[in-house]
Amino acid sequence: MANSPQAKKRARQADRAYAVNKARRSRIRTYLRKVEEAIASGNQEAAVAALREAQPELMRGVTKGVVHKNTAARKMSRLSARVKALGA
């Protein structure tokens, strides 16, 4: 258990950061799920719109340190390839 004032403060900060990061991660996953559902429905216009909404959210997660840069790039690449394949 944290005993020194510094350790107590770090524990409070860690709890706060955990809550914020969890909310951000959940928000990103929600946007990605909307893209997945649009792809599953086969509607390319809805999928493109959902992808456009998801991209800034995912990249914001990168700048905030919630998601790694390469992970976000990989997810965007794979999703955009799947959305593009709907039109073919």
N, C-alpha and C. Protein backbone atom coordinates (compact mmCIF):
# COMPACT_ATOMS: atom_id res chain seq x y z
N MET A 1 0.85 -1.19 0.00
CA MET A 1 0.00 0.00 0.00
C MET A 1 0.89 1.25 0.00
N ALA A 2 0.42 2.29 -0.68
CA ALA A 2 1.18 3.54 -0.75
C ALA A 2 1.16 4.23 0.60
N ASN A 3 2.34 4.59 1.10
CA ASN A 3 2.43 5.24 2.40
C ASN A 3 2.90 6.69 2.31
N SER A 4 3.87 6.96 1.46
CA SER A 4 4.37 8.33 1.37
C SER A 4 3.37 9.19 0.59
N PRO A 5 3.37 10.48 0.85
CA PRO A 5 2.45 11.37 0.11
C PRO A 5 2.64 11.27 -1.40
N GLN A 6 3.90 11.13 -1.82
CA GLN A 6 4.20 11.04 -3.25
C GLN A 6 3.57 9.77 -3.84
N ALA A 7 3.70 8.65 -3.13
CA ALA A 7 3.16 7.39 -3.62
C ALA A 7 1.63 7.43 -3.65
N LYS A 8 1.05 8.10 -2.65
CA LYS A 8 -0.42 8.22 -2.63
C LYS A 8 -0.91 9.04 -3.82
N LYS A 9 -0.19 10.12 -4.11
CA LYS A 9 -0.57 10.97 -5.25
C LYS A 9 -0.42 10.19 -6.56
N ARG A 10 0.69 9.43 -6.71
CA ARG A 10 0.90 8.65 -7.92
C ARG A 10 -0.21 7.62 -8.10
N ALA A 11 -0.67 7.04 -6.99
CA ALA A 11 -1.76 6.06 -7.05
C ALA A 11 -3.05 6.73 -7.53
N ARG A 12 -3.31 7.94 -7.02
CA ARG A 12 -4.51 8.68 -7.47
C ARG A 12 -4.40 9.01 -8.95
N GLN A 13 -3.23 9.46 -9.39
CA GLN A 13 -3.03 9.82 -10.79
C GLN A 13 -3.18 8.59 -11.68
N ALA A 14 -2.68 7.45 -11.23
CA ALA A 14 -2.77 6.22 -12.02
C ALA A 14 -4.23 5.80 -12.18
N ASP A 15 -5.01 5.93 -11.11
CA ASP A 15 -6.43 5.59 -11.18
C ASP A 15 -7.16 6.50 -12.17
N ARG A 16 -6.83 7.78 -12.13
CA ARG A 16 -7.47 8.74 -13.02
C ARG A 16 -7.10 8.45 -14.48
N ALA A 17 -5.83 8.20 -14.73
CA ALA A 17 -5.37 7.90 -16.10
C ALA A 17 -5.99 6.61 -16.60
N TYR A 18 -6.11 5.63 -15.72
CA TYR A 18 -6.72 4.34 -16.10
C TYR A 18 -8.15 4.55 -16.56
N ALA A 19 -8.90 5.36 -15.82
CA ALA A 19 -10.31 5.61 -16.16
C ALA A 19 -10.42 6.34 -17.50
N VAL A 20 -9.58 7.35 -17.70
CA VAL A 20 -9.62 8.13 -18.94
C VAL A 20 -9.25 7.25 -20.14
N ASN A 21 -8.17 6.47 -19.98
CA ASN A 21 -7.72 5.61 -21.07
C ASN A 21 -8.74 4.53 -21.40
N LYS A 22 -9.39 4.01 -20.37
CA LYS A 22 -10.41 2.98 -20.57
C LYS A 22 -11.58 3.56 -21.37
N ALA A 23 -11.98 4.77 -21.05
CA ALA A 23 -13.08 5.43 -21.76
C ALA A 23 -12.69 5.68 -23.22
N ARG A 24 -11.45 6.13 -23.44
CA ARG A 24 -10.99 6.38 -24.81
C ARG A 24 -10.94 5.09 -25.62
N ARG A 25 -10.42 4.02 -25.01
CA ARG A 25 -10.33 2.74 -25.69
C ARG A 25 -11.72 2.21 -26.05
N SER A 26 -12.66 2.37 -25.13
CA SER A 26 -14.03 1.94 -25.36
C SER A 26 -14.66 2.72 -26.51
N ARG A 27 -14.40 4.02 -26.54
CA ARG A 27 -14.94 4.88 -27.60
C ARG A 27 -14.38 4.47 -28.96
N ILE A 28 -13.10 4.19 -29.02
CA ILE A 28 -12.47 3.75 -30.26
C ILE A 28 -13.09 2.44 -30.73
N ARG A 29 -13.25 1.50 -29.81
CA ARG A 29 -13.83 0.20 -30.16
C ARG A 29 -15.25 0.34 -30.67
N THR A 30 -16.01 1.28 -30.11
CA THR A 30 -17.38 1.52 -30.56
C THR A 30 -17.38 1.97 -32.02
N TYR A 31 -16.50 2.91 -32.35
CA TYR A 31 -16.42 3.40 -33.72
C TYR A 31 -16.00 2.29 -34.68
N LEU A 32 -15.04 1.46 -34.24
CA LEU A 32 -14.59 0.36 -35.09
C LEU A 32 -15.71 -0.67 -35.28
N ARG A 33 -16.48 -0.90 -34.23
CA ARG A 33 -17.60 -1.84 -34.34
C ARG A 33 -18.65 -1.34 -35.33
N LYS A 34 -18.88 -0.02 -35.36
CA LYS A 34 -19.83 0.55 -36.31
C LYS A 34 -19.38 0.30 -37.74
N VAL A 35 -18.06 0.40 -37.98
CA VAL A 35 -17.53 0.12 -39.32
C VAL A 35 -17.74 -1.36 -39.65
N GLU A 36 -17.44 -2.23 -38.71
CA GLU A 36 -17.62 -3.68 -38.91
C GLU A 36 -19.07 -4.02 -39.25
N GLU A 37 -20.00 -3.39 -38.52
CA GLU A 37 -21.42 -3.66 -38.77
C GLU A 37 -21.84 -3.16 -40.14
N ALA A 38 -21.31 -2.00 -40.56
CA ALA A 38 -21.64 -1.47 -41.88
C ALA A 38 -21.09 -2.38 -42.97
N ILE A 39 -19.90 -2.93 -42.76
CA ILE A 39 -19.31 -3.86 -43.72
C ILE A 39 -20.15 -5.14 -43.79
N ALA A 40 -20.56 -5.62 -42.63
CA ALA A 40 -21.36 -6.85 -42.57
C ALA A 40 -22.70 -6.67 -43.26
N SER A 41 -23.26 -5.46 -43.20
CA SER A 41 -24.55 -5.21 -43.84
C SER A 41 -24.42 -5.14 -45.37
N GLY A 42 -23.18 -4.91 -45.84
CA GLY A 42 -22.95 -4.85 -47.27
C GLY A 42 -23.21 -3.49 -47.88
N ASN A 43 -23.48 -2.50 -47.07
CA ASN A 43 -23.77 -1.16 -47.54
C ASN A 43 -22.47 -0.36 -47.60
N GLN A 44 -21.97 -0.11 -48.81
CA GLN A 44 -20.67 0.56 -48.93
C GLN A 44 -20.73 2.01 -48.49
N GLU A 45 -21.82 2.73 -48.81
CA GLU A 45 -21.90 4.14 -48.40
C GLU A 45 -21.85 4.28 -46.89
N ALA A 46 -22.59 3.40 -46.19
CA ALA A 46 -22.59 3.46 -44.72
C ALA A 46 -21.21 3.08 -44.19
N ALA A 47 -20.56 2.13 -44.83
CA ALA A 47 -19.24 1.70 -44.38
C ALA A 47 -18.21 2.81 -44.57
N VAL A 48 -18.29 3.51 -45.70
CA VAL A 48 -17.36 4.62 -45.95
C VAL A 48 -17.59 5.73 -44.93
N ALA A 49 -18.85 6.04 -44.65
CA ALA A 49 -19.15 7.08 -43.67
C ALA A 49 -18.66 6.69 -42.29
N ALA A 50 -18.87 5.44 -41.90
CA ALA A 50 -18.43 4.97 -40.59
C ALA A 50 -16.91 4.98 -40.49
N LEU A 51 -16.24 4.63 -41.59
CA LEU A 51 -14.78 4.63 -41.60
C LEU A 51 -14.24 6.04 -41.46
N ARG A 52 -14.88 7.00 -42.11
CA ARG A 52 -14.45 8.40 -42.01
C ARG A 52 -14.61 8.93 -40.58
N GLU A 53 -15.64 8.44 -39.89
CA GLU A 53 -15.83 8.86 -38.50
C GLU A 53 -14.84 8.17 -37.57
N ALA A 54 -14.50 6.94 -37.89
CA ALA A 54 -13.63 6.15 -37.02
C ALA A 54 -12.17 6.59 -37.10
N GLN A 55 -11.73 7.04 -38.27
CA GLN A 55 -10.31 7.36 -38.45
C GLN A 55 -9.80 8.43 -37.49
N PRO A 56 -10.47 9.58 -37.37
CA PRO A 56 -9.92 10.58 -36.44
C PRO A 56 -9.94 10.09 -34.99
N GLU A 57 -10.94 9.30 -34.65
CA GLU A 57 -11.02 8.77 -33.28
C GLU A 57 -9.84 7.84 -32.99
N LEU A 58 -9.53 7.00 -33.96
CA LEU A 58 -8.42 6.07 -33.80
C LEU A 58 -7.09 6.82 -33.73
N MET A 59 -6.92 7.81 -34.58
CA MET A 59 -5.68 8.59 -34.58
C MET A 59 -5.54 9.43 -33.31
N ARG A 60 -6.66 9.87 -32.76
CA ARG A 60 -6.63 10.59 -31.48
C ARG A 60 -6.13 9.67 -30.38
N GLY A 61 -6.55 8.41 -30.47
CA GLY A 61 -6.05 7.42 -29.51
C GLY A 61 -4.55 7.25 -29.59
N VAL A 62 -4.01 7.39 -30.80
CA VAL A 62 -2.55 7.30 -30.97
C VAL A 62 -1.87 8.48 -30.28
N THR A 63 -2.38 9.69 -30.51
CA THR A 63 -1.74 10.86 -29.91
C THR A 63 -1.85 10.86 -28.39
N LYS A 64 -2.90 10.23 -27.86
CA LYS A 64 -3.09 10.18 -26.41
C LYS A 64 -2.36 9.00 -25.78
N GLY A 65 -1.77 8.15 -26.61
CA GLY A 65 -1.00 7.04 -26.08
C GLY A 65 -1.82 5.83 -25.69
N VAL A 66 -3.06 5.76 -26.15
CA VAL A 66 -3.92 4.62 -25.82
C VAL A 66 -3.67 3.47 -26.78
N VAL A 67 -3.39 3.81 -28.04
CA VAL A 67 -3.17 2.80 -29.08
C VAL A 67 -1.81 3.09 -29.72
N HIS A 68 -1.09 2.04 -30.06
CA HIS A 68 0.20 2.23 -30.73
C HIS A 68 -0.04 2.68 -32.17
N LYS A 69 0.89 3.47 -32.68
CA LYS A 69 0.76 4.05 -34.02
C LYS A 69 0.61 2.96 -35.09
N ASN A 70 1.42 1.92 -35.01
CA ASN A 70 1.36 0.86 -36.02
C ASN A 70 0.08 0.05 -35.91
N THR A 71 -0.43 -0.12 -34.71
CA THR A 71 -1.69 -0.83 -34.52
C THR A 71 -2.83 -0.07 -35.19
N ALA A 72 -2.85 1.24 -34.98
CA ALA A 72 -3.89 2.07 -35.59
C ALA A 72 -3.77 2.04 -37.12
N ALA A 73 -2.55 2.13 -37.63
CA ALA A 73 -2.34 2.11 -39.07
C ALA A 73 -2.79 0.77 -39.66
N ARG A 74 -2.48 -0.31 -38.96
CA ARG A 74 -2.89 -1.64 -39.43
C ARG A 74 -4.41 -1.77 -39.46
N LYS A 75 -5.06 -1.32 -38.40
CA LYS A 75 -6.53 -1.41 -38.35
C LYS A 75 -7.17 -0.58 -39.46
N MET A 76 -6.66 0.64 -39.66
CA MET A 76 -7.22 1.49 -40.72
C MET A 76 -7.00 0.86 -42.09
N SER A 77 -5.83 0.31 -42.31
CA SER A 77 -5.51 -0.29 -43.60
C SER A 77 -6.43 -1.47 -43.89
N ARG A 78 -6.59 -2.34 -42.92
CA ARG A 78 -7.42 -3.53 -43.13
C ARG A 78 -8.88 -3.17 -43.30
N LEU A 79 -9.36 -2.22 -42.50
CA LEU A 79 -10.76 -1.81 -42.63
C LEU A 79 -11.02 -1.14 -43.97
N SER A 80 -10.11 -0.26 -44.40
CA SER A 80 -10.32 0.45 -45.66
C SER A 80 -10.25 -0.51 -46.83
N ALA A 81 -9.42 -1.54 -46.73
CA ALA A 81 -9.35 -2.55 -47.80
C ALA A 81 -10.66 -3.31 -47.88
N ARG A 82 -11.24 -3.63 -46.73
CA ARG A 82 -12.53 -4.36 -46.71
C ARG A 82 -13.66 -3.49 -47.24
N VAL A 83 -13.63 -2.19 -46.89
CA VAL A 83 -14.67 -1.28 -47.40
C VAL A 83 -14.53 -1.13 -48.90
N LYS A 84 -13.31 -1.03 -49.37
CA LYS A 84 -13.06 -0.91 -50.81
C LYS A 84 -13.53 -2.16 -51.55
N ALA A 85 -13.34 -3.31 -50.94
CA ALA A 85 -13.74 -4.58 -51.57
C ALA A 85 -15.27 -4.68 -51.72
N LEU A 86 -16.01 -3.94 -50.89
CA LEU A 86 -17.47 -3.97 -51.00
C LEU A 86 -17.93 -3.42 -52.35
N GLY A 87 -17.19 -2.43 -52.85
CA GLY A 87 -17.57 -1.81 -54.13
C GLY A 87 -17.25 -2.67 -55.32
N ALA A 88 -16.33 -3.59 -55.16
CA ALA A 88 -15.92 -4.41 -56.31
C ALA A 88 -16.91 -5.50 -56.65
